Amino acid sequence: MFSGIIEELGRVRSITPVGEALRLCVTAAEVSQGVKVSDSVAVNGVCLTVTDVSPQTVSFDVIPETLSKTSLGQLEPGSPVNLERALCVGDRLGGHFVQGHVDATGEVINVYTEGEWYMITVRAPEEVRPYLIPHGSISMDGVSLTVARLSGDEFTVALIPHTLKLTNLGDKKPGDLVNLEGDMIGKYVLTLIRESGFRLVPES
């Protein structure tokens, strides 16, 4: 379990094919000091298991299923990646509950500034749309964000300078893919409503 509060902006050091999988080695001076083999780390919002660790790097094996559902297969040596270690019991939850189980990738449609804010508009795939609500939570590349605007299959988030400094979201451009995970509580609520047979009737 994660919170969507990024601890470190790492860099891909190497990517090595292992059969149909990939071995991903990331330079992470801070995170490497606080993890051990078999720990969980969110890499661009994807929960991965640590397979090797050194004083400056952390390595992971990324299986084909993960590659097919996330943007990790598009990483290259030097790519910046958002890193967060799993929460400890008693930690402050500054963002929202993030599992690291990406629902789908979304496409960046527009990037612009509006006053002091840096805005990113993303086209959300069908798997994510039911969990989007105005001012609700969304995990984008592992970053806990608030939906500022929602229109059809597109949503917009506003980023403050602090988020731009500590994450890779400031590097996004139209056409880029981002890993999206809908709010876990929203998923449970929607599932319970559907399984109960309760119908939501639109207001007249």
N, C-alpha and C. Protein backbone atom coordinates (compact mmCIF):
# COMPACT_ATOMS: atom_id res chain seq x y z
N MET A 1 0.85 -1.19 0.00
CA MET A 1 0.00 0.00 0.00
C MET A 1 0.88 1.24 0.00
N PHE A 2 0.46 2.23 -0.77
CA PHE A 2 1.23 3.47 -0.91
C PHE A 2 0.29 4.67 -0.68
N SER A 3 0.87 5.86 -0.68
CA SER A 3 0.07 7.06 -0.44
C SER A 3 0.04 8.01 -1.63
N GLY A 4 0.91 7.77 -2.62
CA GLY A 4 0.98 8.68 -3.75
C GLY A 4 1.82 9.91 -3.49
N ILE A 5 2.57 9.90 -2.39
CA ILE A 5 3.51 10.99 -2.08
C ILE A 5 4.90 10.49 -2.46
N ILE A 6 5.45 11.02 -3.53
CA ILE A 6 6.71 10.53 -4.07
C ILE A 6 7.86 10.87 -3.14
N GLU A 7 8.71 9.86 -2.88
CA GLU A 7 9.85 10.06 -2.00
C GLU A 7 11.11 10.51 -2.75
N GLU A 8 11.25 10.02 -3.98
CA GLU A 8 12.47 10.31 -4.71
C GLU A 8 12.22 10.20 -6.21
N LEU A 9 12.88 11.07 -6.96
CA LEU A 9 12.86 10.98 -8.41
C LEU A 9 14.12 10.24 -8.84
N GLY A 10 13.96 8.96 -9.19
CA GLY A 10 15.10 8.15 -9.60
C GLY A 10 15.33 8.23 -11.10
N ARG A 11 16.37 7.55 -11.56
CA ARG A 11 16.70 7.49 -12.98
C ARG A 11 16.96 6.05 -13.38
N VAL A 12 16.42 5.66 -14.53
CA VAL A 12 16.67 4.32 -15.03
C VAL A 12 18.15 4.20 -15.37
N ARG A 13 18.80 3.22 -14.77
CA ARG A 13 20.23 3.01 -15.05
C ARG A 13 20.43 2.02 -16.19
N SER A 14 19.63 0.95 -16.17
CA SER A 14 19.74 -0.04 -17.25
C SER A 14 18.45 -0.83 -17.35
N ILE A 15 18.22 -1.37 -18.55
CA ILE A 15 17.07 -2.24 -18.81
C ILE A 15 17.60 -3.46 -19.55
N THR A 16 17.40 -4.63 -18.96
CA THR A 16 17.95 -5.86 -19.53
C THR A 16 16.83 -6.85 -19.81
N PRO A 17 16.66 -7.30 -21.06
CA PRO A 17 15.66 -8.33 -21.34
C PRO A 17 16.00 -9.64 -20.64
N VAL A 18 14.97 -10.25 -20.04
CA VAL A 18 15.12 -11.56 -19.41
C VAL A 18 13.96 -12.40 -19.92
N GLY A 19 14.18 -13.10 -21.04
CA GLY A 19 13.08 -13.79 -21.68
C GLY A 19 12.09 -12.75 -22.18
N GLU A 20 10.80 -12.89 -21.80
CA GLU A 20 9.78 -11.91 -22.17
C GLU A 20 9.65 -10.79 -21.14
N ALA A 21 10.40 -10.91 -20.06
CA ALA A 21 10.36 -9.90 -19.00
C ALA A 21 11.53 -8.92 -19.16
N LEU A 22 11.58 -7.93 -18.27
CA LEU A 22 12.66 -6.96 -18.24
C LEU A 22 13.21 -6.86 -16.84
N ARG A 23 14.52 -6.72 -16.74
CA ARG A 23 15.15 -6.40 -15.45
C ARG A 23 15.45 -4.91 -15.45
N LEU A 24 14.84 -4.21 -14.53
CA LEU A 24 14.92 -2.75 -14.46
C LEU A 24 15.80 -2.35 -13.29
N CYS A 25 16.88 -1.63 -13.59
CA CYS A 25 17.79 -1.14 -12.56
C CYS A 25 17.66 0.38 -12.49
N VAL A 26 17.37 0.89 -11.30
CA VAL A 26 17.10 2.32 -11.11
C VAL A 26 18.09 2.91 -10.11
N THR A 27 18.67 4.05 -10.47
CA THR A 27 19.51 4.79 -9.54
C THR A 27 18.62 5.52 -8.55
N ALA A 28 18.81 5.24 -7.27
CA ALA A 28 17.93 5.81 -6.23
C ALA A 28 18.72 5.90 -4.94
N ALA A 29 19.41 7.01 -4.75
CA ALA A 29 20.30 7.16 -3.60
C ALA A 29 19.56 7.06 -2.27
N GLU A 30 18.35 7.63 -2.20
CA GLU A 30 17.60 7.64 -0.94
C GLU A 30 16.83 6.34 -0.72
N VAL A 31 16.04 5.95 -1.71
CA VAL A 31 15.21 4.76 -1.56
C VAL A 31 16.05 3.50 -1.37
N SER A 32 17.22 3.43 -2.00
CA SER A 32 18.07 2.25 -1.88
C SER A 32 18.56 2.04 -0.45
N GLN A 33 18.58 3.12 0.35
CA GLN A 33 19.03 3.00 1.74
C GLN A 33 17.95 2.42 2.65
N GLY A 34 16.71 2.41 2.17
CA GLY A 34 15.63 2.02 3.07
C GLY A 34 14.85 0.80 2.63
N VAL A 35 15.38 0.03 1.68
CA VAL A 35 14.67 -1.17 1.24
C VAL A 35 15.62 -2.37 1.24
N LYS A 36 15.02 -3.55 1.19
CA LYS A 36 15.77 -4.80 1.08
C LYS A 36 15.10 -5.67 0.04
N VAL A 37 15.76 -6.73 -0.36
CA VAL A 37 15.18 -7.66 -1.33
C VAL A 37 13.83 -8.16 -0.83
N SER A 38 12.86 -8.21 -1.72
CA SER A 38 11.47 -8.65 -1.47
C SER A 38 10.56 -7.53 -0.99
N ASP A 39 11.10 -6.34 -0.71
CA ASP A 39 10.24 -5.20 -0.37
C ASP A 39 9.50 -4.72 -1.61
N SER A 40 8.43 -3.96 -1.38
CA SER A 40 7.65 -3.39 -2.47
C SER A 40 7.98 -1.91 -2.64
N VAL A 41 8.13 -1.50 -3.90
CA VAL A 41 8.37 -0.10 -4.23
C VAL A 41 7.48 0.24 -5.41
N ALA A 42 6.83 1.40 -5.35
CA ALA A 42 6.03 1.87 -6.48
C ALA A 42 6.95 2.63 -7.44
N VAL A 43 7.02 2.15 -8.68
CA VAL A 43 7.83 2.78 -9.72
C VAL A 43 6.87 3.34 -10.76
N ASN A 44 6.77 4.66 -10.85
CA ASN A 44 5.77 5.30 -11.70
C ASN A 44 4.37 4.74 -11.43
N GLY A 45 4.11 4.48 -10.15
CA GLY A 45 2.79 4.01 -9.74
C GLY A 45 2.56 2.53 -9.84
N VAL A 46 3.57 1.77 -10.26
CA VAL A 46 3.44 0.32 -10.41
C VAL A 46 4.14 -0.36 -9.25
N CYS A 47 3.42 -1.17 -8.50
CA CYS A 47 4.01 -1.89 -7.37
C CYS A 47 4.93 -3.00 -7.90
N LEU A 48 6.23 -2.87 -7.60
CA LEU A 48 7.21 -3.86 -8.03
C LEU A 48 7.97 -4.40 -6.82
N THR A 49 8.47 -5.62 -6.95
CA THR A 49 9.22 -6.27 -5.88
C THR A 49 10.72 -6.07 -6.09
N VAL A 50 11.40 -5.65 -5.06
CA VAL A 50 12.85 -5.45 -5.14
C VAL A 50 13.54 -6.80 -5.28
N THR A 51 14.35 -6.96 -6.32
CA THR A 51 15.09 -8.21 -6.53
C THR A 51 16.56 -8.07 -6.21
N ASP A 52 17.07 -6.82 -6.18
CA ASP A 52 18.47 -6.60 -5.83
C ASP A 52 18.60 -5.14 -5.39
N VAL A 53 19.52 -4.90 -4.47
CA VAL A 53 19.71 -3.54 -3.97
C VAL A 53 21.18 -3.32 -3.66
N SER A 54 21.67 -2.12 -4.00
CA SER A 54 23.03 -1.71 -3.67
C SER A 54 22.94 -0.34 -3.03
N PRO A 55 24.05 0.25 -2.56
CA PRO A 55 23.96 1.56 -1.92
C PRO A 55 23.39 2.67 -2.80
N GLN A 56 23.38 2.51 -4.13
CA GLN A 56 22.89 3.57 -5.00
C GLN A 56 21.80 3.11 -5.98
N THR A 57 21.54 1.82 -6.08
CA THR A 57 20.59 1.33 -7.07
C THR A 57 19.62 0.31 -6.48
N VAL A 58 18.47 0.21 -7.14
CA VAL A 58 17.47 -0.81 -6.80
C VAL A 58 17.04 -1.47 -8.10
N SER A 59 16.90 -2.79 -8.09
CA SER A 59 16.53 -3.53 -9.30
C SER A 59 15.21 -4.27 -9.11
N PHE A 60 14.49 -4.43 -10.23
CA PHE A 60 13.19 -5.09 -10.24
C PHE A 60 13.07 -5.94 -11.50
N ASP A 61 12.29 -7.00 -11.43
CA ASP A 61 11.93 -7.77 -12.62
C ASP A 61 10.49 -7.42 -12.98
N VAL A 62 10.28 -7.01 -14.23
CA VAL A 62 8.96 -6.58 -14.70
C VAL A 62 8.43 -7.64 -15.66
N ILE A 63 7.33 -8.30 -15.28
CA ILE A 63 6.81 -9.41 -16.06
C ILE A 63 5.97 -8.92 -17.23
N PRO A 64 5.73 -9.78 -18.23
CA PRO A 64 4.97 -9.37 -19.42
C PRO A 64 3.60 -8.80 -19.10
N GLU A 65 2.89 -9.36 -18.10
CA GLU A 65 1.56 -8.85 -17.74
C GLU A 65 1.64 -7.38 -17.32
N THR A 66 2.64 -7.05 -16.54
CA THR A 66 2.83 -5.66 -16.11
C THR A 66 3.19 -4.77 -17.29
N LEU A 67 4.05 -5.26 -18.16
CA LEU A 67 4.44 -4.48 -19.33
C LEU A 67 3.26 -4.18 -20.24
N SER A 68 2.30 -5.12 -20.31
CA SER A 68 1.16 -4.94 -21.21
C SER A 68 0.14 -3.95 -20.67
N LYS A 69 0.13 -3.71 -19.36
CA LYS A 69 -0.89 -2.87 -18.75
C LYS A 69 -0.37 -1.51 -18.28
N THR A 70 0.93 -1.30 -18.38
CA THR A 70 1.52 -0.06 -17.88
C THR A 70 2.43 0.55 -18.94
N SER A 71 3.01 1.68 -18.59
CA SER A 71 3.94 2.35 -19.51
C SER A 71 5.39 2.01 -19.23
N LEU A 72 5.65 1.05 -18.35
CA LEU A 72 7.03 0.74 -17.98
C LEU A 72 7.85 0.23 -19.16
N GLY A 73 7.19 -0.39 -20.12
CA GLY A 73 7.91 -0.89 -21.30
C GLY A 73 8.47 0.22 -22.17
N GLN A 74 8.03 1.45 -21.95
CA GLN A 74 8.52 2.58 -22.75
C GLN A 74 9.71 3.29 -22.11
N LEU A 75 10.10 2.85 -20.92
CA LEU A 75 11.24 3.47 -20.25
C LEU A 75 12.53 3.21 -21.01
N GLU A 76 13.46 4.14 -20.88
CA GLU A 76 14.78 4.02 -21.49
C GLU A 76 15.83 4.39 -20.44
N PRO A 77 17.08 3.97 -20.63
CA PRO A 77 18.13 4.43 -19.72
C PRO A 77 18.13 5.96 -19.63
N GLY A 78 18.13 6.46 -18.41
CA GLY A 78 18.07 7.91 -18.19
C GLY A 78 16.69 8.44 -17.90
N SER A 79 15.64 7.64 -18.17
CA SER A 79 14.27 8.10 -17.90
C SER A 79 14.07 8.36 -16.41
N PRO A 80 13.43 9.48 -16.05
CA PRO A 80 13.11 9.74 -14.64
C PRO A 80 11.91 8.90 -14.22
N VAL A 81 11.96 8.37 -13.01
CA VAL A 81 10.85 7.56 -12.49
C VAL A 81 10.51 7.99 -11.07
N ASN A 82 9.21 8.03 -10.79
CA ASN A 82 8.73 8.37 -9.46
C ASN A 82 8.82 7.14 -8.56
N LEU A 83 9.42 7.31 -7.39
CA LEU A 83 9.63 6.19 -6.47
C LEU A 83 8.98 6.46 -5.13
N GLU A 84 8.32 5.43 -4.60
CA GLU A 84 7.76 5.50 -3.25
C GLU A 84 7.83 4.12 -2.62
N ARG A 85 8.39 4.06 -1.42
CA ARG A 85 8.41 2.81 -0.67
C ARG A 85 7.03 2.55 -0.06
N ALA A 86 6.74 1.29 0.21
CA ALA A 86 5.45 0.93 0.80
C ALA A 86 5.30 1.60 2.16
N LEU A 87 4.05 1.92 2.51
CA LEU A 87 3.76 2.56 3.79
C LEU A 87 4.04 1.63 4.96
N CYS A 88 4.44 2.22 6.08
CA CYS A 88 4.53 1.50 7.34
C CYS A 88 3.29 1.83 8.16
N VAL A 89 2.86 0.89 9.00
CA VAL A 89 1.72 1.15 9.88
C VAL A 89 2.06 2.34 10.77
N GLY A 90 1.17 3.31 10.81
CA GLY A 90 1.39 4.51 11.61
C GLY A 90 1.91 5.69 10.83
N ASP A 91 2.29 5.47 9.53
CA ASP A 91 2.74 6.58 8.70
C ASP A 91 1.60 7.56 8.45
N ARG A 92 1.95 8.82 8.26
CA ARG A 92 0.95 9.80 7.86
C ARG A 92 0.53 9.51 6.41
N LEU A 93 -0.75 9.64 6.15
CA LEU A 93 -1.27 9.41 4.80
C LEU A 93 -1.54 10.78 4.18
N GLY A 94 -0.53 11.32 3.50
CA GLY A 94 -0.66 12.65 2.95
C GLY A 94 -1.43 12.70 1.65
N GLY A 95 -1.51 11.57 0.93
CA GLY A 95 -2.22 11.54 -0.34
C GLY A 95 -3.53 10.79 -0.21
N HIS A 96 -3.62 9.61 -0.85
CA HIS A 96 -4.77 8.73 -0.68
C HIS A 96 -4.28 7.29 -0.81
N PHE A 97 -5.15 6.33 -0.55
CA PHE A 97 -4.74 4.93 -0.62
C PHE A 97 -4.45 4.53 -2.06
N VAL A 98 -3.20 4.17 -2.33
CA VAL A 98 -2.77 3.74 -3.66
C VAL A 98 -2.21 2.32 -3.54
N GLN A 99 -2.73 1.40 -4.34
CA GLN A 99 -2.30 0.01 -4.26
C GLN A 99 -1.10 -0.30 -5.14
N GLY A 100 -0.88 0.52 -6.15
CA GLY A 100 0.17 0.19 -7.10
C GLY A 100 -0.28 -0.80 -8.15
N HIS A 101 -1.61 -1.00 -8.23
CA HIS A 101 -2.19 -1.89 -9.24
C HIS A 101 -2.82 -1.00 -10.32
N VAL A 102 -2.06 -0.74 -11.35
CA VAL A 102 -2.49 0.19 -12.39
C VAL A 102 -3.70 -0.36 -13.14
N ASP A 103 -4.73 0.48 -13.30
CA ASP A 103 -5.93 0.06 -14.03
C ASP A 103 -5.71 0.09 -15.53
N ALA A 104 -5.02 1.13 -16.00
CA ALA A 104 -4.78 1.28 -17.44
C ALA A 104 -3.87 2.49 -17.63
N THR A 105 -3.43 2.69 -18.86
CA THR A 105 -2.66 3.89 -19.18
C THR A 105 -3.58 4.91 -19.84
N GLY A 106 -3.32 6.18 -19.56
CA GLY A 106 -4.04 7.27 -20.21
C GLY A 106 -3.08 8.06 -21.08
N GLU A 107 -3.63 8.77 -22.06
CA GLU A 107 -2.81 9.56 -22.97
C GLU A 107 -2.88 11.04 -22.62
N VAL A 108 -1.71 11.67 -22.46
CA VAL A 108 -1.66 13.11 -22.22
C VAL A 108 -2.15 13.83 -23.47
N ILE A 109 -3.17 14.66 -23.32
CA ILE A 109 -3.77 15.38 -24.43
C ILE A 109 -3.26 16.82 -24.52
N ASN A 110 -3.07 17.43 -23.36
CA ASN A 110 -2.67 18.84 -23.37
C ASN A 110 -1.88 19.16 -22.11
N VAL A 111 -0.91 20.04 -22.24
CA VAL A 111 -0.11 20.53 -21.12
C VAL A 111 -0.04 22.05 -21.25
N TYR A 112 -0.43 22.77 -20.20
CA TYR A 112 -0.44 24.23 -20.29
C TYR A 112 -0.37 24.83 -18.89
N THR A 113 -0.13 26.12 -18.84
CA THR A 113 -0.14 26.82 -17.56
C THR A 113 -1.38 27.68 -17.46
N GLU A 114 -1.84 27.83 -16.24
CA GLU A 114 -3.02 28.65 -15.96
C GLU A 114 -2.75 29.40 -14.67
N GLY A 115 -2.35 30.66 -14.81
CA GLY A 115 -1.94 31.40 -13.63
C GLY A 115 -0.68 30.78 -13.05
N GLU A 116 -0.74 30.39 -11.77
CA GLU A 116 0.42 29.78 -11.11
C GLU A 116 0.44 28.27 -11.29
N TRP A 117 -0.58 27.71 -11.90
CA TRP A 117 -0.72 26.26 -11.95
C TRP A 117 -0.25 25.68 -13.28
N TYR A 118 0.29 24.48 -13.20
CA TYR A 118 0.71 23.71 -14.37
C TYR A 118 -0.36 22.65 -14.58
N MET A 119 -1.03 22.67 -15.70
CA MET A 119 -2.19 21.83 -15.94
C MET A 119 -1.86 20.71 -16.94
N ILE A 120 -2.35 19.52 -16.64
CA ILE A 120 -2.20 18.39 -17.55
C ILE A 120 -3.58 17.78 -17.78
N THR A 121 -3.96 17.66 -19.05
CA THR A 121 -5.21 17.01 -19.42
C THR A 121 -4.91 15.64 -20.01
N VAL A 122 -5.64 14.63 -19.53
CA VAL A 122 -5.41 13.24 -19.90
C VAL A 122 -6.70 12.62 -20.40
N ARG A 123 -6.61 11.84 -21.47
CA ARG A 123 -7.76 11.06 -21.93
C ARG A 123 -7.76 9.74 -21.17
N ALA A 124 -8.82 9.50 -20.42
CA ALA A 124 -8.90 8.30 -19.58
C ALA A 124 -9.57 7.16 -20.34
N PRO A 125 -9.01 5.97 -20.31
CA PRO A 125 -9.65 4.82 -20.95
C PRO A 125 -10.87 4.36 -20.17
N GLU A 126 -11.62 3.48 -20.77
CA GLU A 126 -12.88 3.01 -20.18
C GLU A 126 -12.68 2.41 -18.79
N GLU A 127 -11.53 1.74 -18.56
CA GLU A 127 -11.30 1.08 -17.27
C GLU A 127 -11.21 2.07 -16.11
N VAL A 128 -10.90 3.32 -16.41
CA VAL A 128 -10.67 4.30 -15.35
C VAL A 128 -11.84 5.27 -15.17
N ARG A 129 -12.60 5.52 -16.23
CA ARG A 129 -13.64 6.56 -16.20
C ARG A 129 -14.65 6.42 -15.06
N PRO A 130 -15.10 5.20 -14.71
CA PRO A 130 -16.11 5.12 -13.64
C PRO A 130 -15.63 5.64 -12.30
N TYR A 131 -14.32 5.74 -12.10
CA TYR A 131 -13.79 6.14 -10.80
C TYR A 131 -13.38 7.61 -10.76
N LEU A 132 -13.67 8.34 -11.83
CA LEU A 132 -13.32 9.76 -11.88
C LEU A 132 -14.52 10.60 -11.46
N ILE A 133 -14.31 11.44 -10.48
CA ILE A 133 -15.34 12.39 -10.06
C ILE A 133 -14.67 13.74 -9.83
N PRO A 134 -15.39 14.85 -10.00
CA PRO A 134 -14.79 16.17 -9.75
C PRO A 134 -14.24 16.26 -8.34
N HIS A 135 -13.01 16.67 -8.22
CA HIS A 135 -12.30 16.85 -6.95
C HIS A 135 -12.02 15.52 -6.25
N GLY A 136 -12.17 14.41 -6.97
CA GLY A 136 -11.80 13.12 -6.43
C GLY A 136 -10.31 12.84 -6.64
N SER A 137 -9.85 11.71 -6.12
CA SER A 137 -8.44 11.37 -6.19
C SER A 137 -8.15 10.46 -7.37
N ILE A 138 -6.97 10.64 -7.96
CA ILE A 138 -6.49 9.78 -9.04
C ILE A 138 -4.97 9.65 -8.86
N SER A 139 -4.45 8.47 -9.09
CA SER A 139 -3.01 8.27 -9.08
C SER A 139 -2.51 8.30 -10.52
N MET A 140 -1.58 9.24 -10.82
CA MET A 140 -1.00 9.36 -12.15
C MET A 140 0.50 9.15 -12.05
N ASP A 141 1.00 8.08 -12.64
CA ASP A 141 2.41 7.72 -12.51
C ASP A 141 2.83 7.68 -11.04
N GLY A 142 1.89 7.23 -10.19
CA GLY A 142 2.17 7.07 -8.78
C GLY A 142 1.99 8.30 -7.93
N VAL A 143 1.62 9.43 -8.53
CA VAL A 143 1.45 10.68 -7.80
C VAL A 143 -0.03 10.86 -7.44
N SER A 144 -0.31 11.07 -6.18
CA SER A 144 -1.68 11.33 -5.73
C SER A 144 -2.10 12.72 -6.16
N LEU A 145 -3.13 12.80 -7.00
CA LEU A 145 -3.59 14.08 -7.54
C LEU A 145 -5.10 14.22 -7.39
N THR A 146 -5.57 15.45 -7.50
CA THR A 146 -7.00 15.74 -7.43
C THR A 146 -7.51 16.10 -8.82
N VAL A 147 -8.64 15.52 -9.19
CA VAL A 147 -9.26 15.84 -10.47
C VAL A 147 -9.81 17.26 -10.40
N ALA A 148 -9.20 18.17 -11.15
CA ALA A 148 -9.64 19.56 -11.12
C ALA A 148 -10.83 19.79 -12.04
N ARG A 149 -10.80 19.11 -13.21
CA ARG A 149 -11.89 19.25 -14.18
C ARG A 149 -12.14 17.90 -14.83
N LEU A 150 -13.39 17.70 -15.20
CA LEU A 150 -13.79 16.44 -15.81
C LEU A 150 -14.77 16.73 -16.94
N SER A 151 -14.43 16.25 -18.15
CA SER A 151 -15.29 16.50 -19.30
C SER A 151 -15.23 15.28 -20.22
N GLY A 152 -16.34 14.53 -20.27
CA GLY A 152 -16.37 13.34 -21.11
C GLY A 152 -15.33 12.34 -20.67
N ASP A 153 -14.46 11.95 -21.61
CA ASP A 153 -13.44 10.97 -21.28
C ASP A 153 -12.10 11.63 -20.94
N GLU A 154 -12.12 12.93 -20.68
CA GLU A 154 -10.89 13.65 -20.36
C GLU A 154 -10.99 14.27 -18.97
N PHE A 155 -9.85 14.28 -18.27
CA PHE A 155 -9.80 14.96 -16.98
C PHE A 155 -8.52 15.79 -16.92
N THR A 156 -8.55 16.80 -16.06
CA THR A 156 -7.41 17.71 -15.92
C THR A 156 -7.00 17.78 -14.46
N VAL A 157 -5.69 17.79 -14.24
CA VAL A 157 -5.14 17.96 -12.90
C VAL A 157 -4.27 19.22 -12.89
N ALA A 158 -4.18 19.86 -11.72
CA ALA A 158 -3.36 21.05 -11.54
C ALA A 158 -2.19 20.70 -10.63
N LEU A 159 -0.98 21.05 -11.06
CA LEU A 159 0.22 20.72 -10.31
C LEU A 159 0.87 21.97 -9.73
N ILE A 160 1.29 21.88 -8.48
CA ILE A 160 2.00 22.99 -7.84
C ILE A 160 3.49 22.83 -8.11
N PRO A 161 4.28 23.91 -7.97
CA PRO A 161 5.72 23.82 -8.24
C PRO A 161 6.43 22.72 -7.45
N HIS A 162 6.00 22.47 -6.21
CA HIS A 162 6.64 21.43 -5.39
C HIS A 162 6.49 20.06 -6.05
N THR A 163 5.31 19.76 -6.59
CA THR A 163 5.08 18.48 -7.26
C THR A 163 5.92 18.38 -8.53
N LEU A 164 6.01 19.48 -9.26
CA LEU A 164 6.82 19.49 -10.48
C LEU A 164 8.29 19.22 -10.17
N LYS A 165 8.75 19.72 -9.04
CA LYS A 165 10.16 19.57 -8.66
C LYS A 165 10.49 18.14 -8.25
N LEU A 166 9.55 17.48 -7.57
CA LEU A 166 9.85 16.18 -6.97
C LEU A 166 9.38 14.99 -7.80
N THR A 167 8.70 15.23 -8.92
CA THR A 167 8.19 14.13 -9.74
C THR A 167 8.58 14.34 -11.20
N ASN A 168 8.21 13.36 -12.03
CA ASN A 168 8.51 13.47 -13.47
C ASN A 168 7.36 14.06 -14.27
N LEU A 169 6.31 14.53 -13.61
CA LEU A 169 5.13 14.99 -14.34
C LEU A 169 5.39 16.26 -15.14
N GLY A 170 6.36 17.04 -14.72
CA GLY A 170 6.69 18.24 -15.47
C GLY A 170 7.33 17.96 -16.82
N ASP A 171 7.75 16.71 -17.03
CA ASP A 171 8.36 16.32 -18.31
C ASP A 171 7.33 15.80 -19.31
N LYS A 172 6.09 15.64 -18.88
CA LYS A 172 5.09 15.05 -19.76
C LYS A 172 4.73 15.99 -20.91
N LYS A 173 4.44 15.39 -22.05
CA LYS A 173 4.03 16.16 -23.24
C LYS A 173 2.91 15.42 -23.92
N PRO A 174 2.13 16.10 -24.77
CA PRO A 174 1.03 15.44 -25.47
C PRO A 174 1.51 14.18 -26.21
N GLY A 175 0.73 13.12 -26.06
CA GLY A 175 1.07 11.84 -26.67
C GLY A 175 1.71 10.87 -25.71
N ASP A 176 2.25 11.36 -24.59
CA ASP A 176 2.85 10.48 -23.60
C ASP A 176 1.78 9.65 -22.89
N LEU A 177 2.15 8.46 -22.46
CA LEU A 177 1.26 7.61 -21.69
C LEU A 177 1.59 7.73 -20.20
N VAL A 178 0.56 7.75 -19.38
CA VAL A 178 0.74 7.79 -17.93
C VAL A 178 -0.05 6.65 -17.30
N ASN A 179 0.52 6.08 -16.23
CA ASN A 179 -0.14 5.01 -15.50
C ASN A 179 -1.23 5.58 -14.60
N LEU A 180 -2.44 5.05 -14.72
CA LEU A 180 -3.58 5.55 -13.95
C LEU A 180 -4.13 4.48 -13.03
N GLU A 181 -4.41 4.87 -11.81
CA GLU A 181 -5.08 3.97 -10.86
C GLU A 181 -6.21 4.74 -10.19
N GLY A 182 -7.42 4.24 -10.34
CA GLY A 182 -8.57 4.89 -9.72
C GLY A 182 -8.57 4.72 -8.21
N ASP A 183 -9.32 5.58 -7.55
CA ASP A 183 -9.41 5.56 -6.08
C ASP A 183 -9.98 4.22 -5.60
N MET A 184 -9.27 3.57 -4.68
CA MET A 184 -9.65 2.25 -4.20
C MET A 184 -11.02 2.26 -3.51
N ILE A 185 -11.30 3.29 -2.73
CA ILE A 185 -12.59 3.36 -2.03
C ILE A 185 -13.72 3.48 -3.05
N GLY A 186 -13.50 4.29 -4.08
CA GLY A 186 -14.51 4.42 -5.14
C GLY A 186 -14.78 3.10 -5.83
N LYS A 187 -13.74 2.28 -6.00
CA LYS A 187 -13.92 0.98 -6.64
C LYS A 187 -14.82 0.07 -5.80
N TYR A 188 -14.59 0.05 -4.49
CA TYR A 188 -15.41 -0.78 -3.62
C TYR A 188 -16.86 -0.31 -3.59
N VAL A 189 -17.04 1.00 -3.50
CA VAL A 189 -18.41 1.55 -3.46
C VAL A 189 -19.16 1.20 -4.73
N LEU A 190 -18.52 1.41 -5.88
CA LEU A 190 -19.18 1.13 -7.15
C LEU A 190 -19.49 -0.35 -7.31
N THR A 191 -18.57 -1.22 -6.88
CA THR A 191 -18.80 -2.66 -6.96
C THR A 191 -19.97 -3.09 -6.08
N LEU A 192 -20.03 -2.55 -4.86
CA LEU A 192 -21.13 -2.90 -3.96
C LEU A 192 -22.47 -2.45 -4.52
N ILE A 193 -22.50 -1.26 -5.12
CA ILE A 193 -23.75 -0.76 -5.71
C ILE A 193 -24.19 -1.66 -6.85
N ARG A 194 -23.26 -2.03 -7.71
CA ARG A 194 -23.59 -2.86 -8.86
C ARG A 194 -24.08 -4.24 -8.43
N GLU A 195 -23.40 -4.85 -7.46
CA GLU A 195 -23.75 -6.21 -7.04
C GLU A 195 -25.03 -6.25 -6.23
N SER A 196 -25.41 -5.13 -5.63
CA SER A 196 -26.64 -5.08 -4.84
C SER A 196 -27.87 -4.96 -5.73
N GLY A 197 -27.63 -4.64 -7.01
CA GLY A 197 -28.75 -4.45 -7.92
C GLY A 197 -29.36 -3.07 -7.84
N PHE A 198 -28.78 -2.21 -7.02
CA PHE A 198 -29.29 -0.85 -6.86
C PHE A 198 -29.01 -0.06 -8.14
N ARG A 199 -30.03 0.64 -8.62
CA ARG A 199 -29.87 1.44 -9.84
C ARG A 199 -29.79 2.92 -9.48
N LEU A 200 -28.77 3.57 -10.04
CA LEU A 200 -28.66 5.01 -9.85
C LEU A 200 -29.57 5.71 -10.86
N VAL A 201 -30.57 6.43 -10.38
CA VAL A 201 -31.53 7.10 -11.25
C VAL A 201 -31.11 8.54 -11.43
N PRO A 202 -30.88 8.98 -12.68
CA PRO A 202 -30.48 10.38 -12.90
C PRO A 202 -31.55 11.33 -12.40
N GLU A 203 -31.11 12.48 -11.93
CA GLU A 203 -32.07 13.49 -11.47
C GLU A 203 -32.84 14.03 -12.66
N SER A 204 -34.14 14.29 -12.48
CA SER A 204 -34.97 14.81 -13.57
C SER A 204 -34.87 16.33 -13.64
